[in-house]
Amino acid sequence: MKTRLTCIFSVLLTLFLFAGSLRYVRDHWLFSFTYSFQLHIGIVGALAAIVLFVVLRSRYMLLLFVWAIAITAHAAVLRYEFIAPAGENIAGHPFKLMSFNMLGDNDANAEHIAQFIIGSAADVVYIMEGEPLAPYLARIADAYPYRMGCLVDTETCDLLVFSKHPLDDAKFVTLSDLRHDRMAIAKVTVDDTTVNLVALHLSKPYFDDYHEVELFNASWLMMGMQGPLIVAGDFNSSSIAPDMLRFQRVNKLHVANFEPATWPIKAGKFGIPIDHIYARMPTTMTSLKRLPDAMGSNHFGLEAEFIIQKQ
């Protein structure tokens, strides 16, 4: 009986860890879901290997434990790769941005979210799936007089940008034929310095190769942007997924600290970060926090503070 149990659990745990190691075999959209969960798979695999070793006394479990620790460590290294020094002593102008996917059918909480936006004290707010806010746009405009989305620069209400500063060169871009106008580009002037703003709402990574194509097209546009850059939105993927790593490296993006989990909300801090706020020097991110309440959405929102160095 013990031999049979050892065989069964060895096979199951091996397959589980193999799923968490697929990035080392093939970078393909079919495996995209496992890329974001590599850290979780590694931790669960390591704990399972310890328990099974104690119960079954199989040396093979020690090998699986080492395997689990290896993929866990690599995932942790990848998550820390883009953390830049907070830069509290850097001189410049403070800037705050909030990003939140409010959920497209979240009408019951739309008024509360509108009030939250108004009281957020953010310079710029990105909202994904923002159609429920349509009845409250005039109210929001009292605090944020400049807007993109909902019949301003686009016919769609999916992606909204609210700003206290004039939005120059504002435009929407369609990144793939799956969804329209899921990238918003604009510039704001802060302390005589022009800051490039990019808002993104990407397709899910398991919808064929659309996610990778959209990241590539976004990068192509961003590479021509000079000076400070802030990129945020719902990426539907963790920063450690292979296409996300390429996106961050090519565009020289960084974060201020270990990214907080934003999905699924029931997992709380044990979920994965699929919503992101990134910056490129000379914009220095000084803090990155998760909003305390999901307000009826299936995502937690994020807020980040920056120092914009005068150019």
Protein backbone atom coordinates (compact mmCIF):
# COMPACT_ATOMS: atom_id res chain seq x y z
CA MET A 1 0.00 0.00 0.00
CA LYS A 2 2.78 2.41 0.91
CA THR A 3 4.54 1.69 -2.39
CA ARG A 4 1.35 2.36 -4.33
CA LEU A 5 0.71 5.65 -2.51
CA THR A 6 4.30 6.73 -3.05
CA CYS A 7 3.97 6.06 -6.77
CA ILE A 8 0.64 7.91 -7.07
CA PHE A 9 1.71 11.00 -5.14
CA SER A 10 5.11 11.09 -6.82
CA VAL A 11 3.47 11.18 -10.25
CA LEU A 12 0.92 13.82 -9.20
CA LEU A 13 3.50 16.10 -7.60
CA THR A 14 5.87 15.65 -10.55
CA LEU A 15 3.14 16.72 -12.97
CA PHE A 16 2.24 19.66 -10.72
CA LEU A 17 5.83 20.91 -10.63
CA PHE A 18 6.24 20.30 -14.34
CA ALA A 19 3.27 22.62 -14.92
CA GLY A 20 5.12 25.26 -12.92
CA SER A 21 8.26 24.72 -14.98
CA LEU A 22 6.78 24.98 -18.47
CA ARG A 23 8.52 28.32 -19.14
CA TYR A 24 11.81 26.38 -19.28
CA VAL A 25 10.38 24.02 -21.90
CA ARG A 26 8.35 26.25 -24.21
CA ASP A 27 7.11 29.84 -24.18
CA HIS A 28 3.60 29.41 -25.55
CA TRP A 29 0.25 31.06 -24.84
CA LEU A 30 -1.31 27.68 -23.98
CA PHE A 31 0.84 27.62 -20.83
CA SER A 32 0.36 31.29 -19.96
CA PHE A 33 -1.78 30.67 -16.89
CA THR A 34 0.97 28.63 -15.21
CA TYR A 35 3.63 31.32 -15.80
CA SER A 36 1.88 33.78 -13.50
CA PHE A 37 1.42 31.14 -10.80
CA GLN A 38 5.01 29.84 -10.80
CA LEU A 39 5.75 31.23 -7.32
CA HIS A 40 2.56 29.72 -5.90
CA ILE A 41 3.16 26.36 -7.57
CA GLY A 42 6.70 26.25 -6.22
CA ILE A 43 5.66 27.03 -2.63
CA VAL A 44 2.77 24.56 -2.62
CA GLY A 45 5.00 21.94 -4.25
CA ALA A 46 7.72 22.38 -1.63
CA LEU A 47 5.24 22.07 1.25
CA ALA A 48 3.64 19.00 -0.34
CA ALA A 49 7.04 17.38 -0.84
CA ILE A 50 7.91 17.88 2.84
CA VAL A 51 4.61 16.39 4.04
CA LEU A 52 4.86 13.43 1.67
CA PHE A 53 8.47 12.77 2.68
CA VAL A 54 7.50 12.68 6.36
CA VAL A 55 4.56 10.35 5.68
CA LEU A 56 5.99 8.12 2.96
CA ARG A 57 9.75 8.41 3.60
CA SER A 58 10.49 8.41 -0.11
CA ARG A 59 13.81 9.93 -1.16
CA TYR A 60 12.22 10.96 -4.44
CA MET A 61 10.24 13.53 -2.45
CA LEU A 62 13.51 15.20 -1.51
CA LEU A 63 14.33 15.55 -5.20
CA LEU A 64 10.89 17.09 -5.79
CA PHE A 65 11.47 19.42 -2.84
CA VAL A 66 14.69 20.70 -4.42
CA TRP A 67 12.87 21.15 -7.73
CA ALA A 68 10.09 23.12 -6.04
CA ILE A 69 12.55 25.34 -4.19
CA ALA A 70 14.42 26.03 -7.44
CA ILE A 71 11.36 27.27 -9.35
CA THR A 72 10.21 29.24 -6.30
CA ALA A 73 13.58 30.97 -5.99
CA HIS A 74 13.67 31.80 -9.70
CA ALA A 75 10.16 33.28 -9.58
CA ALA A 76 11.15 35.42 -6.59
CA VAL A 77 14.28 36.65 -8.38
CA LEU A 78 12.21 37.57 -11.43
CA ARG A 79 9.75 39.55 -9.30
CA TYR A 80 12.56 41.48 -7.63
CA GLU A 81 14.43 42.21 -10.88
CA PHE A 82 12.49 45.39 -11.63
CA ILE A 83 12.36 46.90 -8.15
CA ALA A 84 14.23 50.19 -8.20
CA PRO A 85 15.38 52.21 -5.17
CA ALA A 86 12.49 54.24 -3.77
CA GLY A 87 14.41 57.49 -4.10
CA GLU A 88 12.91 59.42 -1.18
CA ASN A 89 15.70 62.00 -1.33
CA ILE A 90 15.39 62.72 -5.05
CA ALA A 91 14.41 66.30 -5.81
CA GLY A 92 11.41 66.80 -8.05
CA HIS A 93 7.66 67.26 -8.24
CA PRO A 94 5.32 64.73 -6.55
CA PHE A 95 2.82 62.93 -8.77
CA LYS A 96 0.15 60.37 -7.92
CA LEU A 97 -1.63 57.91 -10.21
CA MET A 98 -4.45 55.45 -9.52
CA SER A 99 -5.36 52.50 -11.74
CA PHE A 100 -8.46 50.33 -11.28
CA ASN A 101 -10.45 47.79 -13.28
CA MET A 102 -13.90 48.45 -11.84
CA LEU A 103 -15.68 45.57 -13.69
CA GLY A 104 -18.00 46.32 -16.56
CA ASP A 105 -21.24 45.24 -14.86
CA ASN A 106 -20.46 46.85 -11.50
CA ASP A 107 -23.33 49.35 -11.73
CA ALA A 108 -24.29 48.92 -8.08
CA ASN A 109 -20.99 50.41 -6.92
CA ALA A 110 -20.48 52.96 -9.70
CA GLU A 111 -21.54 55.99 -7.65
CA HIS A 112 -19.30 54.93 -4.76
CA ILE A 113 -16.39 54.45 -7.16
CA ALA A 114 -17.03 57.87 -8.70
CA GLN A 115 -16.86 59.44 -5.24
CA PHE A 116 -13.71 57.47 -4.48
CA ILE A 117 -12.08 58.81 -7.65
CA ILE A 118 -13.04 62.37 -6.73
CA GLY A 119 -11.53 62.01 -3.27
CA SER A 120 -8.45 60.04 -4.32
CA ALA A 121 -6.14 63.07 -4.57
CA ALA A 122 -4.51 61.41 -7.58
CA ASP A 123 -3.21 63.59 -10.39
CA VAL A 124 -4.35 61.03 -12.97
CA VAL A 125 -6.76 58.09 -12.71
CA TYR A 126 -6.99 55.14 -15.12
CA ILE A 127 -10.25 53.16 -15.12
CA MET A 128 -10.77 49.94 -17.04
CA GLU A 129 -14.26 48.61 -17.91
CA GLY A 130 -15.55 52.05 -16.98
CA GLU A 131 -18.95 52.12 -18.70
CA PRO A 132 -20.88 52.09 -15.37
CA LEU A 133 -19.33 55.51 -14.62
CA ALA A 134 -21.12 57.15 -17.57
CA PRO A 135 -23.92 58.71 -15.44
CA TYR A 136 -21.33 60.26 -13.11
CA LEU A 137 -18.87 61.74 -15.59
CA ALA A 138 -20.12 65.30 -15.06
CA ARG A 139 -19.63 64.94 -11.31
CA ILE A 140 -16.12 63.56 -11.75
CA ALA A 141 -15.33 66.42 -14.15
CA ASP A 142 -15.59 68.91 -11.27
CA ALA A 143 -12.44 67.34 -9.79
CA TYR A 144 -10.92 66.01 -13.02
CA PRO A 145 -11.71 68.42 -15.86
CA TYR A 146 -9.67 66.52 -18.46
CA ARG A 147 -10.78 63.13 -19.74
CA MET A 148 -10.17 60.46 -22.34
CA GLY A 149 -12.79 57.81 -23.07
CA CYS A 150 -16.60 57.64 -23.20
CA LEU A 151 -17.03 59.67 -26.41
CA VAL A 152 -13.86 61.69 -25.86
CA ASP A 153 -11.17 60.56 -28.34
CA THR A 154 -13.02 57.24 -28.73
CA GLU A 155 -16.52 55.78 -29.08
CA THR A 156 -15.85 53.19 -26.37
CA CYS A 157 -16.24 53.43 -22.59
CA ASP A 158 -13.89 50.59 -21.66
CA LEU A 159 -10.76 52.60 -20.92
CA LEU A 160 -11.04 55.97 -19.17
CA VAL A 161 -8.36 58.47 -18.20
CA PHE A 162 -9.19 61.28 -15.77
CA SER A 163 -6.65 64.04 -15.20
CA LYS A 164 -6.23 67.25 -13.24
CA HIS A 165 -3.70 68.38 -15.86
CA PRO A 166 -4.36 69.07 -19.56
CA LEU A 167 -3.95 65.93 -21.66
CA ASP A 168 -1.81 66.79 -24.66
CA ASP A 169 -1.48 64.66 -27.82
CA ALA A 170 -4.19 62.37 -26.45
CA LYS A 171 -5.18 59.38 -28.56
CA PHE A 172 -6.43 55.82 -28.35
CA VAL A 173 -4.74 52.91 -30.10
CA THR A 174 -6.13 49.52 -31.10
CA LEU A 175 -3.48 46.91 -30.30
CA SER A 176 -5.17 43.90 -31.91
CA ASP A 177 -8.31 42.93 -33.78
CA LEU A 178 -9.74 41.30 -30.65
CA ARG A 179 -10.53 44.55 -28.80
CA HIS A 180 -10.59 48.17 -29.91
CA ASP A 181 -9.06 51.22 -28.23
CA ARG A 182 -7.45 49.35 -25.34
CA MET A 183 -4.40 51.65 -25.21
CA ALA A 184 -4.56 55.32 -24.28
CA ILE A 185 -1.61 57.66 -24.79
CA ALA A 186 -1.27 61.24 -23.58
CA LYS A 187 1.19 63.75 -22.17
CA VAL A 188 0.89 65.96 -19.12
CA THR A 189 3.19 68.77 -18.05
CA VAL A 190 4.38 68.68 -14.45
CA ASP A 191 6.72 71.39 -13.17
CA ASP A 192 7.66 72.28 -16.76
CA THR A 193 8.46 68.63 -17.46
CA THR A 194 6.49 66.55 -19.97
CA VAL A 195 5.42 63.15 -18.67
CA ASN A 196 4.29 60.41 -21.06
CA LEU A 197 1.21 58.52 -19.86
CA VAL A 198 0.17 55.10 -21.14
CA ALA A 199 -2.95 53.23 -20.02
CA LEU A 200 -3.42 49.61 -21.10
CA HIS A 201 -6.16 47.01 -20.87
CA LEU A 202 -4.78 43.86 -22.44
CA SER A 203 -6.51 40.70 -23.59
CA LYS A 204 -6.22 37.60 -21.45
CA PRO A 205 -3.00 35.71 -22.21
CA TYR A 206 -4.80 32.45 -23.01
CA PHE A 207 -6.72 34.06 -25.92
CA ASP A 208 -4.37 32.71 -28.57
CA ASP A 209 -1.25 34.92 -28.87
CA TYR A 210 -3.14 38.23 -28.62
CA HIS A 211 -1.54 39.17 -25.30
CA GLU A 212 1.99 38.88 -26.67
CA VAL A 213 1.05 40.72 -29.88
CA GLU A 214 -0.56 43.56 -27.92
CA LEU A 215 2.49 43.94 -25.69
CA PHE A 216 4.73 44.02 -28.76
CA ASN A 217 2.59 46.69 -30.43
CA ALA A 218 2.47 48.75 -27.25
CA SER A 219 6.25 48.53 -26.91
CA TRP A 220 6.69 49.65 -30.50
CA LEU A 221 4.79 52.84 -29.73
CA MET A 222 6.44 53.40 -26.36
CA MET A 223 9.96 53.08 -27.72
CA GLY A 224 9.49 56.41 -29.50
CA MET A 225 8.54 58.24 -26.31
CA GLN A 226 11.24 60.45 -24.88
CA GLY A 227 11.57 61.40 -21.22
CA PRO A 228 9.54 60.35 -18.17
CA LEU A 229 7.05 57.53 -18.71
CA ILE A 230 4.31 56.02 -16.53
CA VAL A 231 2.54 52.86 -17.72
CA ALA A 232 -0.38 51.28 -15.88
CA GLY A 233 -3.49 49.21 -16.32
CA ASP A 234 -4.94 45.72 -16.34
CA PHE A 235 -2.39 43.44 -18.00
CA ASN A 236 -4.21 40.18 -17.12
CA SER A 237 -0.82 38.62 -16.40
CA SER A 238 1.88 38.63 -13.76
CA SER A 239 5.11 40.54 -14.31
CA ILE A 240 7.06 37.25 -14.35
CA ALA A 241 5.34 35.84 -17.46
CA PRO A 242 7.85 35.64 -20.35
CA ASP A 243 6.13 38.22 -22.57
CA MET A 244 5.74 40.59 -19.61
CA LEU A 245 9.44 40.24 -18.78
CA ARG A 246 10.33 41.20 -22.34
CA PHE A 247 7.95 44.17 -22.17
CA GLN A 248 9.55 45.48 -18.98
CA ARG A 249 13.12 44.95 -20.14
CA VAL A 250 12.66 46.52 -23.57
CA ASN A 251 10.98 49.59 -22.10
CA LYS A 252 13.28 49.81 -19.03
CA LEU A 253 10.35 49.84 -16.63
CA HIS A 254 10.56 49.54 -12.86
CA VAL A 255 8.40 49.37 -9.75
CA ALA A 256 9.01 50.67 -6.23
CA ASN A 257 8.45 47.49 -4.23
CA PHE A 258 7.19 43.91 -4.34
CA GLU A 259 3.98 44.16 -6.37
CA PRO A 260 0.77 43.56 -4.38
CA ALA A 261 -1.67 40.90 -5.52
CA THR A 262 -4.74 42.24 -7.31
CA TRP A 263 -6.56 39.06 -8.41
CA PRO A 264 -8.51 37.02 -7.46
CA ILE A 265 -9.88 39.22 -4.69
CA LYS A 266 -10.89 36.24 -2.51
CA ALA A 267 -7.24 35.22 -2.33
CA GLY A 268 -6.31 38.60 -0.86
CA LYS A 269 -2.58 39.08 -0.50
CA PHE A 270 -2.02 35.48 -1.61
CA GLY A 271 -3.28 36.14 -5.14
CA ILE A 272 -1.22 37.30 -8.09
CA PRO A 273 -0.47 40.81 -9.41
CA ILE A 274 -2.10 41.08 -12.84
CA ASP A 275 -2.68 44.84 -12.60
CA HIS A 276 0.47 46.92 -12.72
CA ILE A 277 1.91 50.41 -12.47
CA TYR A 278 5.37 50.87 -13.98
CA ALA A 279 7.67 53.84 -14.43
CA ARG A 280 10.72 54.68 -16.49
CA MET A 281 13.46 57.01 -15.39
CA PRO A 282 13.68 59.91 -14.83
CA THR A 283 10.31 59.18 -13.22
CA THR A 284 10.99 57.58 -9.84
CA MET A 285 8.24 55.57 -8.16
CA THR A 286 8.36 56.11 -4.40
CA SER A 287 5.46 53.88 -3.35
CA LEU A 288 3.08 51.29 -4.78
CA LYS A 289 -0.01 50.23 -2.82
CA ARG A 290 -3.13 48.19 -3.36
CA LEU A 291 -6.44 49.94 -2.81
CA PRO A 292 -7.99 48.60 0.42
CA ASP A 293 -11.41 47.81 -1.08
CA ALA A 294 -12.29 46.13 -4.38
CA MET A 295 -15.63 48.01 -4.38
CA GLY A 296 -17.51 45.20 -6.08
CA SER A 297 -14.87 44.53 -8.74
CA ASN A 298 -13.05 41.26 -9.33
CA HIS A 299 -9.75 43.20 -9.23
CA PHE A 300 -8.11 45.29 -6.55
CA GLY A 301 -6.94 48.68 -7.77
CA LEU A 302 -3.51 50.23 -7.31
CA GLU A 303 -2.13 53.64 -6.47
CA ALA A 304 1.44 54.81 -6.91
CA GLU A 305 3.35 57.92 -5.99
CA PHE A 306 6.23 59.31 -8.03
CA ILE A 307 8.85 61.99 -8.08
CA ILE A 308 9.05 63.70 -11.48
CA GLN A 309 12.56 65.05 -11.88
CA LYS A 310 12.74 68.36 -13.68
CA GLN A 311 14.32 68.10 -17.13
